[in-house]
Amino acid sequence: MANSFGDQFLKAGLVNKARLNEAQKSKSKQQKQKQKQKIEVNDEAAEAARRAAAEKVARDRELNRQQKEEAARKAAQAQVRQLVESNRVSCEGGEVDYHFQDGTLIRKLFVTEEVRGKLARGQLAIARFDDGYAVIPLAVAEKILLRDEASIVSTPSGQQESGEDDPYADYKVPDDLMW
């Protein structure tokens, strides 16, 4: 059995030399095609693995970016909280109510007469703190604005932007006006 089937068929006279060569060529072509298909399948699998790895890297980067943003936001909130706690102006025993605008709502805060005067002159500002509000110095309010603009509720009257259409822009509001 040292001879292949083709050689055996040739010796037996069942096939001629040309048909035997043709059969061998077609067999070798089929084997080459199978190898190419295996290589293509391997290439497709490798490409799919590379794509999956690239997608995973992109997801990981996005997740890391979101985590960094969240950490930075929490750090800014902690800094704002610390600034407000350490620089809060005491309004205990305040009997005078001070009205201010928080978004579209008008809020009221009981303060002392001295604090009310400083708020009216723009020396103090109002910031959101816990579930309420805190009165803080203007310098601290500017530091807080750099970290979180939403924490400052009331800007001093000298810094408020007046619209160009404001018909009352030429009239100064007296400091002793009580609402």
C-alpha atoms as a PDB file:
ATOM      1  CA  MET A   1       0.000   0.000   0.000  1.00  0.00           C
ATOM      2  CA  ALA A   2       2.914   2.314  -0.602  1.00  0.00           C
ATOM      3  CA  ASN A   3       1.264   3.556  -3.763  1.00  0.00           C
ATOM      4  CA  SER A   4      -1.579   6.021  -3.650  1.00  0.00           C
ATOM      5  CA  PHE A   5      -5.009   5.121  -4.983  1.00  0.00           C
ATOM      6  CA  GLY A   6      -4.321   7.170  -8.106  1.00  0.00           C
ATOM      7  CA  ASP A   7      -1.171   5.178  -8.870  1.00  0.00           C
ATOM      8  CA  GLN A   8      -3.023   1.936  -8.250  1.00  0.00           C
ATOM      9  CA  PHE A   9      -5.852   2.975 -10.604  1.00  0.00           C
ATOM     10  CA  LEU A  10      -3.257   4.001 -13.207  1.00  0.00           C
ATOM     11  CA  LYS A  11      -1.507   0.594 -13.009  1.00  0.00           C
ATOM     12  CA  ALA A  12      -4.853  -1.175 -13.192  1.00  0.00           C
ATOM     13  CA  GLY A  13      -5.664   0.848 -16.321  1.00  0.00           C
ATOM     14  CA  LEU A  14      -8.825   2.390 -14.895  1.00  0.00           C
ATOM     15  CA  VAL A  15      -7.636   6.000 -15.448  1.00  0.00           C
ATOM     16  CA  ASN A  16      -5.141   7.646 -17.763  1.00  0.00           C
ATOM     17  CA  LYS A  17      -2.245   9.932 -16.751  1.00  0.00           C
ATOM     18  CA  ALA A  18      -4.038  13.197 -17.737  1.00  0.00           C
ATOM     19  CA  ARG A  19      -7.117  12.455 -15.622  1.00  0.00           C
ATOM     20  CA  LEU A  20      -4.915  11.496 -12.691  1.00  0.00           C
ATOM     21  CA  ASN A  21      -3.014  14.814 -12.887  1.00  0.00           C
ATOM     22  CA  GLU A  22      -6.309  16.704 -13.192  1.00  0.00           C
ATOM     23  CA  ALA A  23      -7.691  14.984 -10.094  1.00  0.00           C
ATOM     24  CA  GLN A  24      -4.531  15.758  -8.114  1.00  0.00           C
ATOM     25  CA  LYS A  25      -4.658  19.428  -9.151  1.00  0.00           C
ATOM     26  CA  SER A  26      -8.319  19.763  -8.138  1.00  0.00           C
ATOM     27  CA  LYS A  27      -7.558  18.050  -4.826  1.00  0.00           C
ATOM     28  CA  SER A  28      -4.677  20.436  -4.101  1.00  0.00           C
ATOM     29  CA  LYS A  29      -6.893  23.434  -5.052  1.00  0.00           C
ATOM     30  CA  GLN A  30      -9.565  22.247  -2.628  1.00  0.00           C
ATOM     31  CA  GLN A  31      -7.000  21.896   0.155  1.00  0.00           C
ATOM     32  CA  LYS A  32      -5.658  25.399  -0.502  1.00  0.00           C
ATOM     33  CA  GLN A  33      -9.190  26.806  -0.416  1.00  0.00           C
ATOM     34  CA  LYS A  34      -9.881  25.092   2.900  1.00  0.00           C
ATOM     35  CA  GLN A  35      -6.685  26.567   4.337  1.00  0.00           C
ATOM     36  CA  LYS A  36      -7.649  30.035   3.075  1.00  0.00           C
ATOM     37  CA  GLN A  37     -11.105  29.684   4.614  1.00  0.00           C
ATOM     38  CA  LYS A  38      -9.536  28.645   7.906  1.00  0.00           C
ATOM     39  CA  ILE A  39      -7.215  31.630   7.737  1.00  0.00           C
ATOM     40  CA  GLU A  40     -10.152  33.915   6.872  1.00  0.00           C
ATOM     41  CA  VAL A  41     -12.203  32.477   9.726  1.00  0.00           C
ATOM     42  CA  ASN A  42      -9.234  32.963  12.039  1.00  0.00           C
ATOM     43  CA  ASP A  43      -8.782  36.504  10.711  1.00  0.00           C
ATOM     44  CA  GLU A  44     -12.484  37.245  11.238  1.00  0.00           C
ATOM     45  CA  ALA A  45     -12.321  35.868  14.750  1.00  0.00           C
ATOM     46  CA  ALA A  46      -9.188  37.875  15.471  1.00  0.00           C
ATOM     47  CA  GLU A  47     -10.802  41.009  14.015  1.00  0.00           C
ATOM     48  CA  ALA A  48     -13.923  40.443  16.124  1.00  0.00           C
ATOM     49  CA  ALA A  49     -11.729  39.987  19.191  1.00  0.00           C
ATOM     50  CA  ARG A  50      -9.846  43.212  18.374  1.00  0.00           C
ATOM     51  CA  ARG A  51     -13.119  45.088  17.903  1.00  0.00           C
ATOM     52  CA  ALA A  52     -14.454  43.747  21.199  1.00  0.00           C
ATOM     53  CA  ALA A  53     -11.242  44.765  22.967  1.00  0.00           C
ATOM     54  CA  ALA A  54     -11.405  48.260  21.427  1.00  0.00           C
ATOM     55  CA  GLU A  55     -15.051  48.635  22.482  1.00  0.00           C
ATOM     56  CA  LYS A  56     -14.178  47.509  25.998  1.00  0.00           C
ATOM     57  CA  VAL A  57     -11.340  50.051  26.154  1.00  0.00           C
ATOM     58  CA  ALA A  58     -13.727  52.790  24.962  1.00  0.00           C
ATOM     59  CA  ARG A  59     -16.341  51.783  27.561  1.00  0.00           C
ATOM     60  CA  ASP A  60     -13.689  51.724  30.274  1.00  0.00           C
ATOM     61  CA  ARG A  61     -12.450  55.184  29.283  1.00  0.00           C
ATOM     62  CA  GLU A  62     -15.992  56.575  29.353  1.00  0.00           C
ATOM     63  CA  LEU A  63     -16.646  54.971  32.729  1.00  0.00           C
ATOM     64  CA  ASN A  64     -13.389  56.373  34.107  1.00  0.00           C
ATOM     65  CA  ARG A  65     -14.252  59.829  32.772  1.00  0.00           C
ATOM     66  CA  GLN A  66     -17.677  59.685  34.408  1.00  0.00           C
ATOM     67  CA  GLN A  67     -16.153  58.531  37.695  1.00  0.00           C
ATOM     68  CA  LYS A  68     -13.602  61.358  37.594  1.00  0.00           C
ATOM     69  CA  GLU A  69     -16.345  63.915  36.888  1.00  0.00           C
ATOM     70  CA  GLU A  70     -18.415  62.539  39.760  1.00  0.00           C
ATOM     71  CA  ALA A  71     -15.412  62.665  42.103  1.00  0.00           C
ATOM     72  CA  ALA A  72     -14.647  66.244  41.024  1.00  0.00           C
ATOM     73  CA  ARG A  73     -18.284  67.253  41.550  1.00  0.00           C
ATOM     74  CA  LYS A  74     -18.323  65.688  45.022  1.00  0.00           C
ATOM     75  CA  ALA A  75     -15.029  67.380  45.886  1.00  0.00           C
ATOM     76  CA  ALA A  76     -16.426  70.748  44.760  1.00  0.00           C
ATOM     77  CA  GLN A  77     -19.562  70.196  46.839  1.00  0.00           C
ATOM     78  CA  ALA A  78     -17.447  69.305  49.875  1.00  0.00           C
ATOM     79  CA  GLN A  79     -15.367  72.465  49.378  1.00  0.00           C
ATOM     80  CA  VAL A  80     -18.517  74.582  49.068  1.00  0.00           C
ATOM     81  CA  ARG A  81     -19.967  72.994  52.197  1.00  0.00           C
ATOM     82  CA  GLN A  82     -16.755  73.625  54.133  1.00  0.00           C
ATOM     83  CA  LEU A  83     -16.579  77.254  52.944  1.00  0.00           C
ATOM     84  CA  VAL A  84     -20.176  77.910  53.968  1.00  0.00           C
ATOM     85  CA  GLU A  85     -19.828  76.186  57.355  1.00  0.00           C
ATOM     86  CA  SER A  86     -16.627  77.993  58.282  1.00  0.00           C
ATOM     87  CA  ASN A  87     -17.674  81.469  57.065  1.00  0.00           C
ATOM     88  CA  ARG A  88     -21.364  81.501  57.896  1.00  0.00           C
ATOM     89  CA  VAL A  89     -22.657  84.755  59.359  1.00  0.00           C
ATOM     90  CA  SER A  90     -24.789  84.151  62.420  1.00  0.00           C
ATOM     91  CA  CYS A  91     -28.383  85.298  62.028  1.00  0.00           C
ATOM     92  CA  GLU A  92     -29.660  83.893  65.322  1.00  0.00           C
ATOM     93  CA  GLY A  93     -32.191  86.049  67.073  1.00  0.00           C
ATOM     94  CA  GLY A  94     -32.959  87.881  63.871  1.00  0.00           C
ATOM     95  CA  GLU A  95     -36.361  89.515  63.915  1.00  0.00           C
ATOM     96  CA  VAL A  96     -36.172  91.420  60.639  1.00  0.00           C
ATOM     97  CA  ASP A  97     -37.247  89.512  57.592  1.00  0.00           C
ATOM     98  CA  TYR A  98     -35.155  89.815  54.455  1.00  0.00           C
ATOM     99  CA  HIS A  99     -36.807  88.824  51.170  1.00  0.00           C
ATOM    100  CA  PHE A 100     -34.751  87.483  48.281  1.00  0.00           C
ATOM    101  CA  GLN A 101     -35.356  85.687  45.006  1.00  0.00           C
ATOM    102  CA  ASP A 102     -34.419  82.029  44.569  1.00  0.00           C
ATOM    103  CA  GLY A 103     -35.038  81.226  40.918  1.00  0.00           C
ATOM    104  CA  THR A 104     -38.663  82.169  40.353  1.00  0.00           C
ATOM    105  CA  LEU A 105     -39.633  82.062  44.031  1.00  0.00           C
ATOM    106  CA  ILE A 106     -39.444  84.803  46.638  1.00  0.00           C
ATOM    107  CA  ARG A 107     -38.015  83.503  49.916  1.00  0.00           C
ATOM    108  CA  LYS A 108     -37.783  85.058  53.357  1.00  0.00           C
ATOM    109  CA  LEU A 109     -34.922  84.854  55.833  1.00  0.00           C
ATOM    110  CA  PHE A 110     -34.993  86.257  59.371  1.00  0.00           C
ATOM    111  CA  VAL A 111     -31.838  88.262  60.059  1.00  0.00           C
ATOM    112  CA  THR A 112     -30.618  90.972  62.396  1.00  0.00           C
ATOM    113  CA  GLU A 113     -30.808  94.619  61.389  1.00  0.00           C
ATOM    114  CA  GLU A 114     -27.028  94.756  60.925  1.00  0.00           C
ATOM    115  CA  VAL A 115     -26.998  91.705  58.618  1.00  0.00           C
ATOM    116  CA  ARG A 116     -29.955  93.089  56.660  1.00  0.00           C
ATOM    117  CA  GLY A 117     -28.070  96.319  56.064  1.00  0.00           C
ATOM    118  CA  LYS A 118     -24.975  94.469  54.867  1.00  0.00           C
ATOM    119  CA  LEU A 119     -27.100  92.311  52.554  1.00  0.00           C
ATOM    120  CA  ALA A 120     -28.700  95.438  51.101  1.00  0.00           C
ATOM    121  CA  ARG A 121     -25.298  97.105  50.588  1.00  0.00           C
ATOM    122  CA  GLY A 122     -23.916  94.008  48.843  1.00  0.00           C
ATOM    123  CA  GLN A 123     -21.375  93.079  51.511  1.00  0.00           C
ATOM    124  CA  LEU A 124     -23.021  89.716  52.176  1.00  0.00           C
ATOM    125  CA  ALA A 125     -24.578  87.055  49.943  1.00  0.00           C
ATOM    126  CA  ILE A 126     -27.008  84.181  50.435  1.00  0.00           C
ATOM    127  CA  ALA A 127     -26.074  80.594  49.627  1.00  0.00           C
ATOM    128  CA  ARG A 128     -27.996  77.318  49.637  1.00  0.00           C
ATOM    129  CA  PHE A 129     -26.978  75.234  52.617  1.00  0.00           C
ATOM    130  CA  ASP A 130     -28.482  71.851  53.535  1.00  0.00           C
ATOM    131  CA  ASP A 131     -32.248  72.360  53.287  1.00  0.00           C
ATOM    132  CA  GLY A 132     -32.103  76.079  53.952  1.00  0.00           C
ATOM    133  CA  TYR A 133     -29.998  79.140  53.321  1.00  0.00           C
ATOM    134  CA  ALA A 134     -26.898  80.678  54.875  1.00  0.00           C
ATOM    135  CA  VAL A 135     -25.621  84.235  54.856  1.00  0.00           C
ATOM    136  CA  ILE A 136     -21.947  84.444  53.888  1.00  0.00           C
ATOM    137  CA  PRO A 137     -19.436  87.213  53.147  1.00  0.00           C
ATOM    138  CA  LEU A 138     -19.070  88.391  49.564  1.00  0.00           C
ATOM    139  CA  ALA A 139     -15.467  87.137  49.232  1.00  0.00           C
ATOM    140  CA  VAL A 140     -16.561  83.627  50.188  1.00  0.00           C
ATOM    141  CA  ALA A 141     -19.488  83.832  47.747  1.00  0.00           C
ATOM    142  CA  GLU A 142     -17.052  84.629  44.932  1.00  0.00           C
ATOM    143  CA  LYS A 143     -14.952  81.560  45.856  1.00  0.00           C
ATOM    144  CA  ILE A 144     -18.092  79.424  45.885  1.00  0.00           C
ATOM    145  CA  LEU A 145     -19.153  80.786  42.483  1.00  0.00           C
ATOM    146  CA  LEU A 146     -15.904  79.434  41.042  1.00  0.00           C
ATOM    147  CA  ARG A 147     -16.745  75.940  42.301  1.00  0.00           C
ATOM    148  CA  ASP A 148     -20.527  75.758  41.973  1.00  0.00           C
ATOM    149  CA  GLU A 149     -22.650  78.588  40.611  1.00  0.00           C
ATOM    150  CA  ALA A 150     -25.907  76.929  41.656  1.00  0.00           C
ATOM    151  CA  SER A 151     -25.009  77.195  45.352  1.00  0.00           C
ATOM    152  CA  ILE A 152     -25.252  80.995  45.410  1.00  0.00           C
ATOM    153  CA  VAL A 153     -28.844  82.184  45.519  1.00  0.00           C
ATOM    154  CA  SER A 154     -28.581  85.920  45.980  1.00  0.00           C
ATOM    155  CA  THR A 155     -25.944  88.095  44.368  1.00  0.00           C
ATOM    156  CA  PRO A 156     -25.307  91.501  45.875  1.00  0.00           C
ATOM    157  CA  SER A 157     -27.444  94.263  44.399  1.00  0.00           C
ATOM    158  CA  GLY A 158     -24.418  95.983  42.852  1.00  0.00           C
ATOM    159  CA  GLN A 159     -23.563  92.888  40.811  1.00  0.00           C
ATOM    160  CA  GLN A 160     -27.020  92.030  39.528  1.00  0.00           C
ATOM    161  CA  GLU A 161     -27.330  92.276  35.794  1.00  0.00           C
ATOM    162  CA  SER A 162     -30.041  94.658  34.712  1.00  0.00           C
ATOM    163  CA  GLY A 163     -31.688  94.161  31.375  1.00  0.00           C
ATOM    164  CA  GLU A 164     -31.411  96.796  28.690  1.00  0.00           C
ATOM    165  CA  ASP A 165     -35.223  96.978  28.499  1.00  0.00           C
ATOM    166  CA  ASP A 166     -35.601  97.704  32.202  1.00  0.00           C
ATOM    167  CA  PRO A 167     -37.691 100.887  32.463  1.00  0.00           C
ATOM    168  CA  TYR A 168     -36.647 101.329  36.114  1.00  0.00           C
ATOM    169  CA  ALA A 169     -32.903 101.053  35.540  1.00  0.00           C
ATOM    170  CA  ASP A 170     -32.404 104.779  36.234  1.00  0.00           C
ATOM    171  CA  TYR A 171     -34.163 104.603  39.601  1.00  0.00           C
ATOM    172  CA  LYS A 172     -32.154 103.572  42.658  1.00  0.00           C
ATOM    173  CA  VAL A 173     -33.906 101.386  45.213  1.00  0.00           C
ATOM    174  CA  PRO A 174     -33.482 102.772  48.734  1.00  0.00           C
ATOM    175  CA  ASP A 175     -31.652 100.538  51.221  1.00  0.00           C
ATOM    176  CA  ASP A 176     -34.284 100.981  53.907  1.00  0.00           C
ATOM    177  CA  LEU A 177     -37.149  99.766  51.737  1.00  0.00           C
ATOM    178  CA  MET A 178     -39.138  97.053  53.496  1.00  0.00           C
ATOM    179  CA  TRP A 179     -41.263  94.703  51.455  1.00  0.00           C
END
